[in-house]
Amino acid sequence: MDLLDRLLQGGVVLTGDLVLSIADVDLVRIDLRAVIAPVAARLL
């Protein structure tokens, strides 16, 4: 839990890719990006 608190104090960037394909043909591609940071860090 301390590690999670320490990471969230500085901010975390999460990225990921999701691809739905059939027979090696990409049908749907979703790029995910999220920035998680405390509000106080954004105000400074």
Foldseek 3Di string as FASTA:
>chain_A
DVVVVVDQAAKDKDWDKDFDDDPPHTDDIDIDIDIHHDPVVVVD
